[in-house]
């Protein structure tokens, strides 16, 4: 019996996935949580075989949670789920130790295929995402996206800036101070050699690596 932990900050999504998996032979949903921090805690308590991990969540987010889970429990497999099919987050998640990456629009059959593949020790990536990852190197300057040099947290802040979130909204979402958000913004601008949010948005659109909207 494969034990699955579902992590998503949207109740509709998490409960929808849970209902689907409850009808699948050989799969048991052992928990549903709503943040990266809870995912780490419940991974320790429940020791699931597979964690279905939402990428974009408050706090440490799916990327931070994946890194921590794989550090503490290397045998637990993580499949990332995102509403975005950009090409930067999948690479970040796979580097963090995730075994799979799917968009939330994937069919139930593909989700089940991914779970079975990952349980066998294989990797599984949606075709649309795999194609974008394969084409990442064919960018305007031939060097890949400059946003790839950002840290995990800087990338998360960049995502929210691109989504036109205000500093106080970002601070509340990430559970940090507005001053900390300003520091991250300054670091992002320095690394990317830009001077405004508008330039960041243009850069994200140019390289097609950040989605317009949280997932």
N, C-alpha and C. Protein backbone atom coordinates (compact mmCIF):
# COMPACT_ATOMS: atom_id res chain seq x y z
N UNK A 1 0.85 -1.19 0.00
CA UNK A 1 0.00 0.00 0.00
C UNK A 1 0.89 1.25 0.00
N UNK A 2 0.71 2.11 -0.99
CA UNK A 2 1.47 3.36 -1.07
C UNK A 2 0.80 4.43 -0.21
N UNK A 3 1.55 4.98 0.72
CA UNK A 3 1.03 6.04 1.58
C UNK A 3 1.36 7.39 0.94
N UNK A 4 0.32 8.21 0.75
CA UNK A 4 0.49 9.50 0.07
C UNK A 4 0.06 10.65 0.99
N UNK A 5 0.92 11.66 1.07
CA UNK A 5 0.60 12.89 1.79
C UNK A 5 0.36 13.98 0.76
N UNK A 6 -0.76 14.69 0.87
CA UNK A 6 -1.12 15.76 -0.07
C UNK A 6 -0.85 17.11 0.58
N UNK A 7 -0.13 17.97 -0.12
CA UNK A 7 0.22 19.29 0.39
C UNK A 7 -0.24 20.35 -0.59
N UNK A 8 -1.22 21.16 -0.21
CA UNK A 8 -1.72 22.23 -1.08
C UNK A 8 -2.48 23.23 -0.23
N UNK A 9 -2.26 24.51 -0.46
CA UNK A 9 -2.93 25.52 0.37
C UNK A 9 -4.31 25.89 -0.14
N UNK A 10 -4.78 25.20 -1.18
CA UNK A 10 -6.14 25.40 -1.67
C UNK A 10 -6.97 24.16 -1.34
N UNK A 11 -7.99 24.33 -0.51
CA UNK A 11 -8.81 23.19 -0.08
C UNK A 11 -9.45 22.45 -1.25
N UNK A 12 -9.92 23.21 -2.24
CA UNK A 12 -10.60 22.58 -3.37
C UNK A 12 -9.65 21.61 -4.08
N UNK A 13 -8.40 22.04 -4.26
CA UNK A 13 -7.42 21.20 -4.95
C UNK A 13 -7.05 19.98 -4.11
N UNK A 14 -6.69 20.23 -2.85
CA UNK A 14 -6.24 19.13 -2.00
C UNK A 14 -7.32 18.08 -1.77
N UNK A 15 -8.53 18.54 -1.52
CA UNK A 15 -9.61 17.59 -1.29
C UNK A 15 -10.02 16.89 -2.58
N UNK A 16 -9.88 17.58 -3.71
CA UNK A 16 -10.19 16.96 -4.99
C UNK A 16 -9.23 15.82 -5.29
N UNK A 17 -7.95 16.06 -5.06
CA UNK A 17 -6.94 15.01 -5.28
C UNK A 17 -7.17 13.86 -4.30
N UNK A 18 -7.50 14.21 -3.06
CA UNK A 18 -7.73 13.18 -2.05
C UNK A 18 -8.88 12.27 -2.45
N UNK A 19 -9.96 12.84 -2.95
CA UNK A 19 -11.12 12.03 -3.36
C UNK A 19 -10.76 11.09 -4.50
N UNK A 20 -9.95 11.60 -5.43
CA UNK A 20 -9.53 10.77 -6.56
C UNK A 20 -8.72 9.58 -6.08
N UNK A 21 -7.76 9.84 -5.20
CA UNK A 21 -6.85 8.79 -4.75
C UNK A 21 -7.51 7.78 -3.82
N UNK A 22 -8.55 8.21 -3.13
CA UNK A 22 -9.24 7.30 -2.21
C UNK A 22 -9.89 6.13 -2.94
N UNK A 23 -10.13 6.30 -4.23
CA UNK A 23 -10.77 5.24 -5.02
C UNK A 23 -9.76 4.36 -5.75
N UNK A 24 -8.48 4.60 -5.50
CA UNK A 24 -7.43 3.86 -6.21
C UNK A 24 -6.90 2.73 -5.34
N UNK A 25 -6.95 1.51 -5.87
CA UNK A 25 -6.43 0.36 -5.13
C UNK A 25 -4.92 0.48 -4.94
N UNK A 26 -4.45 0.18 -3.75
CA UNK A 26 -3.03 0.21 -3.47
C UNK A 26 -2.50 1.56 -3.06
N UNK A 27 -3.39 2.55 -2.95
CA UNK A 27 -2.99 3.90 -2.54
C UNK A 27 -3.81 4.33 -1.32
N UNK A 28 -3.14 4.86 -0.31
CA UNK A 28 -3.81 5.36 0.89
C UNK A 28 -3.39 6.80 1.15
N UNK A 29 -4.35 7.70 1.21
CA UNK A 29 -4.07 9.09 1.57
C UNK A 29 -3.96 9.17 3.09
N UNK A 30 -2.76 9.42 3.57
CA UNK A 30 -2.54 9.42 5.02
C UNK A 30 -2.66 10.80 5.64
N UNK A 31 -2.74 11.83 4.80
CA UNK A 31 -2.88 13.17 5.36
C UNK A 31 -3.02 14.23 4.28
N UNK A 32 -3.63 15.35 4.67
CA UNK A 32 -3.76 16.52 3.80
C UNK A 32 -3.36 17.73 4.62
N UNK A 33 -2.33 18.46 4.16
CA UNK A 33 -1.88 19.65 4.88
C UNK A 33 -1.78 20.82 3.91
N UNK A 34 -1.56 22.02 4.47
CA UNK A 34 -1.74 23.23 3.66
C UNK A 34 -0.54 24.17 3.62
N UNK A 35 0.61 23.71 4.06
CA UNK A 35 1.81 24.56 3.99
C UNK A 35 3.06 23.69 3.94
N UNK A 36 4.16 24.30 3.52
CA UNK A 36 5.42 23.57 3.48
C UNK A 36 5.88 23.14 4.86
N UNK A 37 5.67 24.02 5.84
CA UNK A 37 6.06 23.70 7.21
C UNK A 37 5.30 22.48 7.73
N UNK A 38 3.98 22.44 7.45
CA UNK A 38 3.17 21.29 7.87
C UNK A 38 3.61 20.03 7.14
N UNK A 39 4.03 20.19 5.90
CA UNK A 39 4.47 19.03 5.11
C UNK A 39 5.68 18.36 5.76
N UNK A 40 6.61 19.18 6.24
CA UNK A 40 7.80 18.63 6.89
C UNK A 40 7.42 17.92 8.19
N UNK A 41 6.57 18.57 8.97
CA UNK A 41 6.15 17.99 10.25
C UNK A 41 5.41 16.67 10.05
N UNK A 42 4.47 16.66 9.11
CA UNK A 42 3.68 15.45 8.89
C UNK A 42 4.45 14.36 8.16
N UNK A 43 5.46 14.74 7.41
CA UNK A 43 6.33 13.72 6.80
C UNK A 43 7.05 12.95 7.89
N UNK A 44 7.46 13.65 8.93
CA UNK A 44 8.12 13.00 10.06
C UNK A 44 7.15 12.12 10.83
N UNK A 45 5.93 12.60 11.01
CA UNK A 45 4.94 11.87 11.80
C UNK A 45 4.35 10.68 11.05
N UNK A 46 4.11 10.85 9.76
CA UNK A 46 3.38 9.84 8.98
C UNK A 46 4.27 8.96 8.11
N UNK A 47 5.48 9.44 7.82
CA UNK A 47 6.42 8.72 6.95
C UNK A 47 5.73 8.20 5.68
N UNK A 48 5.19 9.10 4.87
CA UNK A 48 4.54 8.67 3.62
C UNK A 48 5.56 8.16 2.62
N UNK A 49 5.10 7.39 1.67
CA UNK A 49 5.97 6.96 0.57
C UNK A 49 6.15 8.08 -0.44
N UNK A 50 5.06 8.82 -0.67
CA UNK A 50 5.06 9.88 -1.67
C UNK A 50 4.38 11.13 -1.12
N UNK A 51 4.95 12.29 -1.39
CA UNK A 51 4.34 13.57 -1.04
C UNK A 51 3.98 14.28 -2.34
N UNK A 52 2.70 14.62 -2.50
CA UNK A 52 2.25 15.44 -3.62
C UNK A 52 2.34 16.89 -3.16
N UNK A 53 3.30 17.63 -3.69
CA UNK A 53 3.69 18.93 -3.14
C UNK A 53 3.31 20.10 -4.04
N UNK A 54 2.42 20.96 -3.55
CA UNK A 54 2.13 22.21 -4.24
C UNK A 54 3.41 23.05 -4.25
N UNK A 55 3.69 23.71 -5.36
CA UNK A 55 4.92 24.49 -5.47
C UNK A 55 4.81 25.84 -4.78
N UNK A 56 3.73 26.56 -5.05
CA UNK A 56 3.59 27.92 -4.57
C UNK A 56 2.66 27.99 -3.35
N UNK A 57 3.28 28.15 -2.18
CA UNK A 57 2.54 28.24 -0.93
C UNK A 57 3.19 29.28 -0.02
N UNK A 58 2.46 29.76 0.99
CA UNK A 58 3.06 30.70 1.95
C UNK A 58 4.22 30.07 2.70
N UNK A 59 5.03 30.90 3.34
CA UNK A 59 6.13 30.39 4.15
C UNK A 59 7.27 29.86 3.31
N UNK A 60 7.77 28.68 3.65
CA UNK A 60 8.92 28.13 2.94
C UNK A 60 8.56 27.63 1.55
N UNK A 61 7.26 27.46 1.28
CA UNK A 61 6.83 27.03 -0.03
C UNK A 61 7.18 25.58 -0.34
N UNK A 62 6.78 25.14 -1.52
CA UNK A 62 7.01 23.76 -1.91
C UNK A 62 8.47 23.44 -2.13
N UNK A 63 9.22 24.41 -2.64
CA UNK A 63 10.64 24.18 -2.89
C UNK A 63 11.41 23.98 -1.59
N UNK A 64 11.18 24.88 -0.63
CA UNK A 64 11.86 24.75 0.65
C UNK A 64 11.46 23.48 1.38
N UNK A 65 10.18 23.14 1.32
CA UNK A 65 9.70 21.92 1.98
C UNK A 65 10.29 20.67 1.35
N UNK A 66 10.41 20.67 0.03
CA UNK A 66 10.99 19.51 -0.65
C UNK A 66 12.44 19.31 -0.22
N UNK A 67 13.19 20.39 -0.18
CA UNK A 67 14.59 20.29 0.25
C UNK A 67 14.70 19.71 1.66
N UNK A 68 13.85 20.20 2.55
CA UNK A 68 13.93 19.77 3.95
C UNK A 68 13.49 18.31 4.10
N UNK A 69 12.44 17.93 3.40
CA UNK A 69 11.97 16.54 3.48
C UNK A 69 13.03 15.58 2.93
N UNK A 70 13.63 15.94 1.81
CA UNK A 70 14.65 15.06 1.24
C UNK A 70 15.91 15.02 2.10
N UNK A 71 16.18 16.10 2.81
CA UNK A 71 17.33 16.10 3.71
C UNK A 71 17.09 15.19 4.91
N UNK A 72 15.88 15.26 5.45
CA UNK A 72 15.56 14.49 6.64
C UNK A 72 15.17 13.05 6.31
N UNK A 73 14.46 12.87 5.20
CA UNK A 73 13.92 11.55 4.86
C UNK A 73 14.18 11.26 3.37
N UNK A 74 15.40 10.88 3.02
CA UNK A 74 15.76 10.68 1.62
C UNK A 74 14.89 9.66 0.88
N UNK A 75 14.30 8.72 1.61
CA UNK A 75 13.51 7.68 0.94
C UNK A 75 12.12 8.17 0.52
N UNK A 76 11.66 9.28 1.09
CA UNK A 76 10.34 9.80 0.70
C UNK A 76 10.45 10.44 -0.68
N UNK A 77 9.53 10.08 -1.57
CA UNK A 77 9.49 10.63 -2.92
C UNK A 77 8.57 11.84 -2.96
N UNK A 78 8.96 12.85 -3.70
CA UNK A 78 8.16 14.06 -3.83
C UNK A 78 7.78 14.28 -5.29
N UNK A 79 6.49 14.51 -5.52
CA UNK A 79 5.99 14.90 -6.84
C UNK A 79 5.46 16.32 -6.70
N UNK A 80 6.05 17.26 -7.43
CA UNK A 80 5.63 18.66 -7.36
C UNK A 80 4.43 18.90 -8.27
N UNK A 81 3.52 19.74 -7.79
CA UNK A 81 2.33 20.11 -8.56
C UNK A 81 2.26 21.63 -8.67
N UNK A 82 2.04 22.14 -9.88
CA UNK A 82 1.95 23.58 -10.06
C UNK A 82 0.94 23.92 -11.14
N UNK A 83 0.31 25.07 -10.99
CA UNK A 83 -0.59 25.54 -12.04
C UNK A 83 0.20 26.13 -13.20
N UNK A 84 1.50 26.36 -12.97
CA UNK A 84 2.34 26.95 -14.00
C UNK A 84 3.17 25.87 -14.68
N UNK A 85 3.43 26.05 -15.98
CA UNK A 85 4.30 25.10 -16.68
C UNK A 85 5.57 25.82 -17.16
N UNK A 86 6.05 26.74 -16.32
CA UNK A 86 7.30 27.43 -16.66
C UNK A 86 8.45 26.43 -16.65
N UNK A 87 9.65 26.91 -17.00
CA UNK A 87 10.76 25.97 -17.10
C UNK A 87 11.81 26.13 -16.01
N UNK A 88 11.62 27.09 -15.10
CA UNK A 88 12.63 27.31 -14.07
C UNK A 88 12.30 26.55 -12.79
N UNK A 89 11.07 26.63 -12.33
CA UNK A 89 10.69 25.91 -11.11
C UNK A 89 10.89 24.40 -11.22
N UNK A 90 10.53 23.76 -12.35
CA UNK A 90 10.79 22.32 -12.43
C UNK A 90 12.26 21.98 -12.21
N UNK A 91 13.16 22.75 -12.80
CA UNK A 91 14.59 22.47 -12.61
C UNK A 91 14.99 22.65 -11.15
N UNK A 92 14.45 23.69 -10.52
CA UNK A 92 14.76 23.93 -9.11
C UNK A 92 14.25 22.79 -8.24
N UNK A 93 13.03 22.31 -8.51
CA UNK A 93 12.46 21.23 -7.70
C UNK A 93 13.22 19.93 -7.91
N UNK A 94 13.59 19.64 -9.14
CA UNK A 94 14.33 18.41 -9.41
C UNK A 94 15.71 18.45 -8.76
N UNK A 95 16.33 19.63 -8.79
CA UNK A 95 17.62 19.79 -8.12
C UNK A 95 17.48 19.60 -6.62
N UNK A 96 16.30 19.97 -6.08
CA UNK A 96 16.04 19.84 -4.65
C UNK A 96 15.75 18.39 -4.24
N UNK A 97 15.53 17.53 -5.24
CA UNK A 97 15.30 16.12 -4.92
C UNK A 97 13.94 15.58 -5.32
N UNK A 98 13.09 16.41 -5.92
CA UNK A 98 11.78 15.92 -6.35
C UNK A 98 11.95 14.85 -7.43
N UNK A 99 11.05 13.89 -7.43
CA UNK A 99 11.10 12.80 -8.41
C UNK A 99 10.13 13.02 -9.57
N UNK A 100 9.24 14.01 -9.43
CA UNK A 100 8.27 14.25 -10.49
C UNK A 100 7.79 15.68 -10.48
N UNK A 101 7.23 16.13 -11.60
CA UNK A 101 6.68 17.48 -11.71
C UNK A 101 5.51 17.44 -12.67
N UNK A 102 4.34 17.83 -12.18
CA UNK A 102 3.12 17.84 -12.97
C UNK A 102 2.43 19.19 -12.86
N UNK A 103 1.67 19.55 -13.87
CA UNK A 103 0.80 20.72 -13.74
C UNK A 103 -0.51 20.27 -13.11
N UNK A 104 -1.20 21.20 -12.46
CA UNK A 104 -2.45 20.84 -11.80
C UNK A 104 -3.56 20.53 -12.80
N UNK A 105 -3.33 20.86 -14.06
CA UNK A 105 -4.32 20.56 -15.08
C UNK A 105 -4.16 19.17 -15.67
N UNK A 106 -3.22 18.41 -15.12
CA UNK A 106 -2.97 17.06 -15.64
C UNK A 106 -4.19 16.16 -15.43
N UNK A 107 -4.35 15.18 -16.29
CA UNK A 107 -5.46 14.24 -16.16
C UNK A 107 -5.20 13.28 -15.00
N UNK A 108 -6.27 12.74 -14.46
CA UNK A 108 -6.16 11.79 -13.35
C UNK A 108 -5.28 10.61 -13.73
N UNK A 109 -5.41 10.14 -14.95
CA UNK A 109 -4.63 8.99 -15.40
C UNK A 109 -3.14 9.29 -15.36
N UNK A 110 -2.76 10.51 -15.71
CA UNK A 110 -1.34 10.86 -15.69
C UNK A 110 -0.83 10.99 -14.26
N UNK A 111 -1.66 11.53 -13.38
CA UNK A 111 -1.28 11.62 -11.97
C UNK A 111 -1.00 10.22 -11.42
N UNK A 112 -1.87 9.28 -11.74
CA UNK A 112 -1.68 7.91 -11.26
C UNK A 112 -0.44 7.27 -11.89
N UNK A 113 -0.20 7.57 -13.17
CA UNK A 113 1.01 7.07 -13.83
C UNK A 113 2.26 7.61 -13.13
N UNK A 114 2.21 8.89 -12.78
CA UNK A 114 3.35 9.52 -12.12
C UNK A 114 3.61 8.89 -10.75
N UNK A 115 2.55 8.65 -10.00
CA UNK A 115 2.69 8.04 -8.67
C UNK A 115 3.31 6.65 -8.79
N UNK A 116 2.84 5.88 -9.73
CA UNK A 116 3.37 4.52 -9.90
C UNK A 116 4.82 4.54 -10.37
N UNK A 117 5.14 5.46 -11.28
CA UNK A 117 6.51 5.56 -11.78
C UNK A 117 7.47 5.97 -10.68
N UNK A 118 7.08 6.97 -9.91
CA UNK A 118 7.93 7.45 -8.83
C UNK A 118 8.10 6.37 -7.76
N UNK A 119 7.04 5.63 -7.50
CA UNK A 119 7.11 4.54 -6.51
C UNK A 119 8.11 3.48 -6.95
N UNK A 120 8.29 3.33 -8.26
CA UNK A 120 9.25 2.35 -8.79
C UNK A 120 10.68 2.89 -8.80
N UNK A 121 10.83 4.14 -8.37
CA UNK A 121 12.16 4.73 -8.36
C UNK A 121 12.49 5.51 -9.61
N UNK A 122 11.49 5.74 -10.46
CA UNK A 122 11.71 6.49 -11.69
C UNK A 122 11.35 7.97 -11.49
N UNK A 123 11.69 8.79 -12.48
CA UNK A 123 11.28 10.19 -12.49
C UNK A 123 10.13 10.35 -13.49
N UNK A 124 9.26 11.32 -13.22
CA UNK A 124 8.13 11.54 -14.11
C UNK A 124 7.90 13.05 -14.25
N UNK A 125 7.92 13.54 -15.48
CA UNK A 125 7.71 14.96 -15.77
C UNK A 125 6.69 15.08 -16.88
N UNK A 126 5.71 15.94 -16.71
CA UNK A 126 4.70 16.15 -17.75
C UNK A 126 5.38 16.52 -19.06
N UNK A 127 4.81 16.05 -20.17
CA UNK A 127 5.41 16.30 -21.47
C UNK A 127 5.61 17.77 -21.76
N UNK A 128 4.61 18.60 -21.45
CA UNK A 128 4.70 20.03 -21.75
C UNK A 128 5.85 20.68 -20.98
N UNK A 129 6.04 20.24 -19.74
CA UNK A 129 7.12 20.78 -18.93
C UNK A 129 8.46 20.28 -19.43
N UNK A 130 8.53 19.01 -19.77
CA UNK A 130 9.79 18.43 -20.26
C UNK A 130 10.24 19.13 -21.54
N UNK A 131 9.30 19.45 -22.42
CA UNK A 131 9.65 20.13 -23.66
C UNK A 131 10.22 21.52 -23.38
N UNK A 132 9.60 22.24 -22.43
CA UNK A 132 10.10 23.58 -22.10
C UNK A 132 11.48 23.50 -21.45
N UNK A 133 11.69 22.50 -20.61
CA UNK A 133 13.00 22.34 -19.98
C UNK A 133 14.06 22.05 -21.03
N UNK A 134 13.71 21.26 -22.03
CA UNK A 134 14.66 20.91 -23.08
C UNK A 134 15.03 22.12 -23.92
N UNK A 135 14.12 23.08 -24.01
CA UNK A 135 14.35 24.26 -24.84
C UNK A 135 14.93 25.44 -24.05
N UNK A 136 15.12 25.26 -22.76
CA UNK A 136 15.59 26.36 -21.92
C UNK A 136 16.89 26.98 -22.43
N UNK A 137 17.81 26.13 -22.92
CA UNK A 137 19.11 26.64 -23.34
C UNK A 137 19.02 27.50 -24.60
N UNK A 138 17.91 27.38 -25.35
CA UNK A 138 17.79 28.15 -26.57
C UNK A 138 17.14 29.49 -26.29
N UNK A 139 17.81 30.32 -25.48
CA UNK A 139 17.29 31.62 -25.12
C UNK A 139 17.96 32.69 -25.97
N UNK A 140 17.58 33.91 -25.73
CA UNK A 140 18.05 35.01 -26.57
C UNK A 140 19.57 35.12 -26.58
N UNK A 141 20.20 34.98 -25.41
CA UNK A 141 21.65 35.17 -25.36
C UNK A 141 22.42 33.85 -25.33
N UNK A 142 21.70 32.73 -25.37
CA UNK A 142 22.38 31.44 -25.37
C UNK A 142 22.92 31.03 -24.03
N UNK A 143 22.66 31.81 -23.01
CA UNK A 143 23.22 31.53 -21.69
C UNK A 143 22.19 30.96 -20.71
N UNK A 144 20.94 30.82 -21.13
CA UNK A 144 19.92 30.40 -20.19
C UNK A 144 19.33 31.61 -19.49
N UNK A 145 18.29 31.42 -18.71
CA UNK A 145 17.62 32.52 -18.05
C UNK A 145 18.48 33.12 -16.94
N UNK A 146 18.60 34.45 -16.89
CA UNK A 146 19.35 35.08 -15.81
C UNK A 146 18.68 34.88 -14.46
N UNK A 147 17.38 34.58 -14.45
CA UNK A 147 16.70 34.36 -13.19
C UNK A 147 17.14 33.07 -12.51
N UNK A 148 17.85 32.23 -13.25
CA UNK A 148 18.35 30.99 -12.67
C UNK A 148 19.40 31.22 -11.59
N UNK A 149 19.97 32.42 -11.54
CA UNK A 149 21.00 32.71 -10.54
C UNK A 149 20.39 33.14 -9.20
N UNK A 150 19.08 33.33 -9.16
CA UNK A 150 18.43 33.76 -7.92
C UNK A 150 18.33 32.60 -6.93
N UNK A 151 18.38 32.93 -5.64
CA UNK A 151 18.17 31.91 -4.62
C UNK A 151 16.70 31.50 -4.60
N UNK A 152 16.40 30.44 -3.87
CA UNK A 152 15.01 29.96 -3.79
C UNK A 152 14.08 31.05 -3.30
N UNK A 153 14.47 31.75 -2.23
CA UNK A 153 13.61 32.79 -1.66
C UNK A 153 13.52 33.99 -2.60
N UNK A 154 14.62 34.34 -3.24
CA UNK A 154 14.60 35.45 -4.19
C UNK A 154 13.68 35.13 -5.36
N UNK A 155 13.70 33.90 -5.79
CA UNK A 155 12.81 33.48 -6.87
C UNK A 155 11.35 33.57 -6.43
N UNK A 156 11.08 33.19 -5.19
CA UNK A 156 9.73 33.25 -4.66
C UNK A 156 9.25 34.70 -4.58
N UNK A 157 10.12 35.60 -4.11
CA UNK A 157 9.78 37.02 -4.04
C UNK A 157 9.58 37.59 -5.45
N UNK A 158 10.44 37.18 -6.38
CA UNK A 158 10.32 37.64 -7.77
C UNK A 158 8.97 37.25 -8.35
N UNK A 159 8.55 36.01 -8.06
CA UNK A 159 7.26 35.53 -8.54
C UNK A 159 6.14 36.47 -8.08
N UNK A 160 6.19 36.87 -6.84
CA UNK A 160 5.13 37.70 -6.28
C UNK A 160 5.21 39.14 -6.80
N UNK A 161 6.42 39.62 -7.06
CA UNK A 161 6.56 40.95 -7.66
C UNK A 161 5.96 40.94 -9.06
N UNK A 162 6.25 39.89 -9.81
CA UNK A 162 5.69 39.75 -11.15
C UNK A 162 4.16 39.69 -11.09
N UNK A 163 3.65 39.12 -10.00
CA UNK A 163 2.20 39.05 -9.80
C UNK A 163 1.62 40.37 -9.29
N UNK A 164 2.49 41.42 -9.23
CA UNK A 164 2.06 42.76 -8.81
C UNK A 164 1.62 42.82 -7.35
N UNK A 165 2.20 41.98 -6.51
CA UNK A 165 1.91 42.03 -5.08
C UNK A 165 2.68 43.18 -4.44
N UNK A 166 2.06 43.85 -3.47
CA UNK A 166 2.72 44.91 -2.72
C UNK A 166 3.66 44.31 -1.69
N UNK A 167 4.61 45.14 -1.22
CA UNK A 167 5.60 44.64 -0.26
C UNK A 167 4.95 44.08 1.00
N UNK A 168 3.93 44.75 1.51
CA UNK A 168 3.29 44.26 2.73
C UNK A 168 2.54 42.95 2.49
N UNK A 169 2.03 42.75 1.27
CA UNK A 169 1.37 41.49 0.94
C UNK A 169 2.39 40.36 0.85
N UNK A 170 3.53 40.65 0.26
CA UNK A 170 4.60 39.64 0.16
C UNK A 170 5.09 39.27 1.55
N UNK A 171 5.28 40.29 2.39
CA UNK A 171 5.75 40.06 3.75
C UNK A 171 4.79 39.18 4.54
N UNK A 172 3.50 39.46 4.42
CA UNK A 172 2.50 38.68 5.14
C UNK A 172 2.46 37.24 4.61
N UNK A 173 2.53 37.08 3.31
CA UNK A 173 2.47 35.75 2.69
C UNK A 173 3.65 34.89 3.10
N UNK A 174 4.84 35.50 3.14
CA UNK A 174 6.06 34.76 3.45
C UNK A 174 6.39 34.76 4.94
N UNK A 175 5.57 35.46 5.72
CA UNK A 175 5.78 35.54 7.17
C UNK A 175 7.14 36.14 7.50
N UNK A 176 7.46 37.25 6.83
CA UNK A 176 8.68 38.01 7.10
C UNK A 176 8.31 39.48 7.24
N UNK A 177 9.27 40.32 7.59
CA UNK A 177 9.00 41.74 7.74
C UNK A 177 9.08 42.45 6.39
N UNK A 178 8.39 43.59 6.23
CA UNK A 178 8.50 44.37 4.99
C UNK A 178 9.95 44.78 4.71
N UNK A 179 10.73 45.02 5.76
CA UNK A 179 12.13 45.37 5.58
C UNK A 179 12.89 44.23 4.93
N UNK A 180 12.57 42.99 5.32
CA UNK A 180 13.22 41.83 4.72
C UNK A 180 12.86 41.71 3.25
N UNK A 181 11.61 42.01 2.92
CA UNK A 181 11.17 41.98 1.52
C UNK A 181 11.95 43.01 0.71
N UNK A 182 12.16 44.19 1.29
CA UNK A 182 12.92 45.24 0.60
C UNK A 182 14.36 44.78 0.35
N UNK A 183 14.91 44.07 1.32
CA UNK A 183 16.27 43.55 1.16
C UNK A 183 16.34 42.54 0.03
N UNK A 184 15.35 41.65 -0.03
CA UNK A 184 15.31 40.67 -1.11
C UNK A 184 15.17 41.37 -2.46
N UNK A 185 14.30 42.38 -2.52
CA UNK A 185 14.09 43.10 -3.78
C UNK A 185 15.40 43.74 -4.26
N UNK A 186 16.14 44.33 -3.32
CA UNK A 186 17.41 44.97 -3.68
C UNK A 186 18.41 43.94 -4.21
N UNK A 187 18.45 42.77 -3.57
CA UNK A 187 19.37 41.72 -4.03
C UNK A 187 18.99 41.22 -5.42
N UNK A 188 17.69 41.07 -5.64
CA UNK A 188 17.19 40.61 -6.94
C UNK A 188 17.58 41.59 -8.03
N UNK A 189 17.34 42.86 -7.77
CA UNK A 189 17.65 43.90 -8.75
C UNK A 189 19.15 43.94 -9.05
N UNK A 190 19.97 43.79 -7.99
CA UNK A 190 21.42 43.84 -8.17
C UNK A 190 21.90 42.65 -9.01
N UNK A 191 21.39 41.45 -8.72
CA UNK A 191 21.81 40.26 -9.46
C UNK A 191 21.39 40.32 -10.93
N UNK A 192 20.22 40.90 -11.18
CA UNK A 192 19.70 40.93 -12.54
C UNK A 192 20.05 42.21 -13.28
N UNK A 193 20.73 43.13 -12.57
CA UNK A 193 21.13 44.41 -13.15
C UNK A 193 19.93 45.19 -13.69
N UNK A 194 18.89 45.27 -12.85
CA UNK A 194 17.70 46.03 -13.19
C UNK A 194 17.41 47.02 -12.07
N UNK A 195 16.46 47.93 -12.31
CA UNK A 195 16.21 48.99 -11.34
C UNK A 195 14.75 49.14 -10.95
N UNK A 196 13.85 48.33 -11.49
CA UNK A 196 12.43 48.51 -11.17
C UNK A 196 11.66 47.21 -11.32
N UNK A 197 10.46 47.21 -10.71
CA UNK A 197 9.58 46.05 -10.84
C UNK A 197 9.18 45.82 -12.30
N UNK A 198 9.00 46.92 -13.03
CA UNK A 198 8.60 46.82 -14.43
C UNK A 198 9.67 46.08 -15.23
N UNK A 199 10.93 46.38 -14.96
CA UNK A 199 12.01 45.69 -15.66
C UNK A 199 12.02 44.20 -15.32
N UNK A 200 11.71 43.88 -14.06
CA UNK A 200 11.66 42.47 -13.66
C UNK A 200 10.54 41.75 -14.40
N UNK A 201 9.40 42.39 -14.51
CA UNK A 201 8.27 41.79 -15.23
C UNK A 201 8.64 41.56 -16.70
N UNK A 202 9.28 42.55 -17.31
CA UNK A 202 9.69 42.41 -18.71
C UNK A 202 10.69 41.26 -18.87
N UNK A 203 11.60 41.15 -17.92
CA UNK A 203 12.60 40.09 -17.98
C UNK A 203 11.94 38.72 -17.85
N UNK A 204 10.98 38.61 -16.92
CA UNK A 204 10.28 37.35 -16.72
C UNK A 204 9.49 36.96 -17.97
N UNK A 205 8.87 37.94 -18.60
CA UNK A 205 8.10 37.66 -19.82
C UNK A 205 9.04 37.27 -20.97
N UNK A 206 10.20 37.92 -21.03
CA UNK A 206 11.15 37.63 -22.10
C UNK A 206 11.63 36.19 -22.06
N UNK A 207 11.90 35.71 -20.85
CA UNK A 207 12.45 34.36 -20.71
C UNK A 207 11.40 33.32 -20.37
N UNK A 208 10.14 33.76 -20.19
CA UNK A 208 9.04 32.84 -19.96
C UNK A 208 9.34 31.86 -18.82
N UNK A 209 9.82 32.41 -17.70
CA UNK A 209 10.17 31.53 -16.58
C UNK A 209 9.32 31.76 -15.34
N UNK A 210 8.51 32.84 -15.32
CA UNK A 210 7.66 33.08 -14.17
C UNK A 210 6.24 33.29 -14.66
N UNK A 211 5.28 32.62 -14.03
CA UNK A 211 3.90 32.75 -14.42
C UNK A 211 3.26 33.99 -13.85
N UNK A 212 2.25 34.49 -14.49
CA UNK A 212 1.53 35.66 -14.01
C UNK A 212 0.36 35.20 -13.15
N UNK A 213 0.64 34.93 -11.87
CA UNK A 213 -0.40 34.47 -10.96
C UNK A 213 0.10 33.36 -10.10
N UNK A 214 -0.22 33.42 -8.80
CA UNK A 214 0.23 32.38 -7.90
C UNK A 214 -0.52 31.09 -8.15
N UNK A 215 0.14 29.99 -7.90
CA UNK A 215 -0.48 28.68 -8.08
C UNK A 215 -0.77 28.08 -6.75
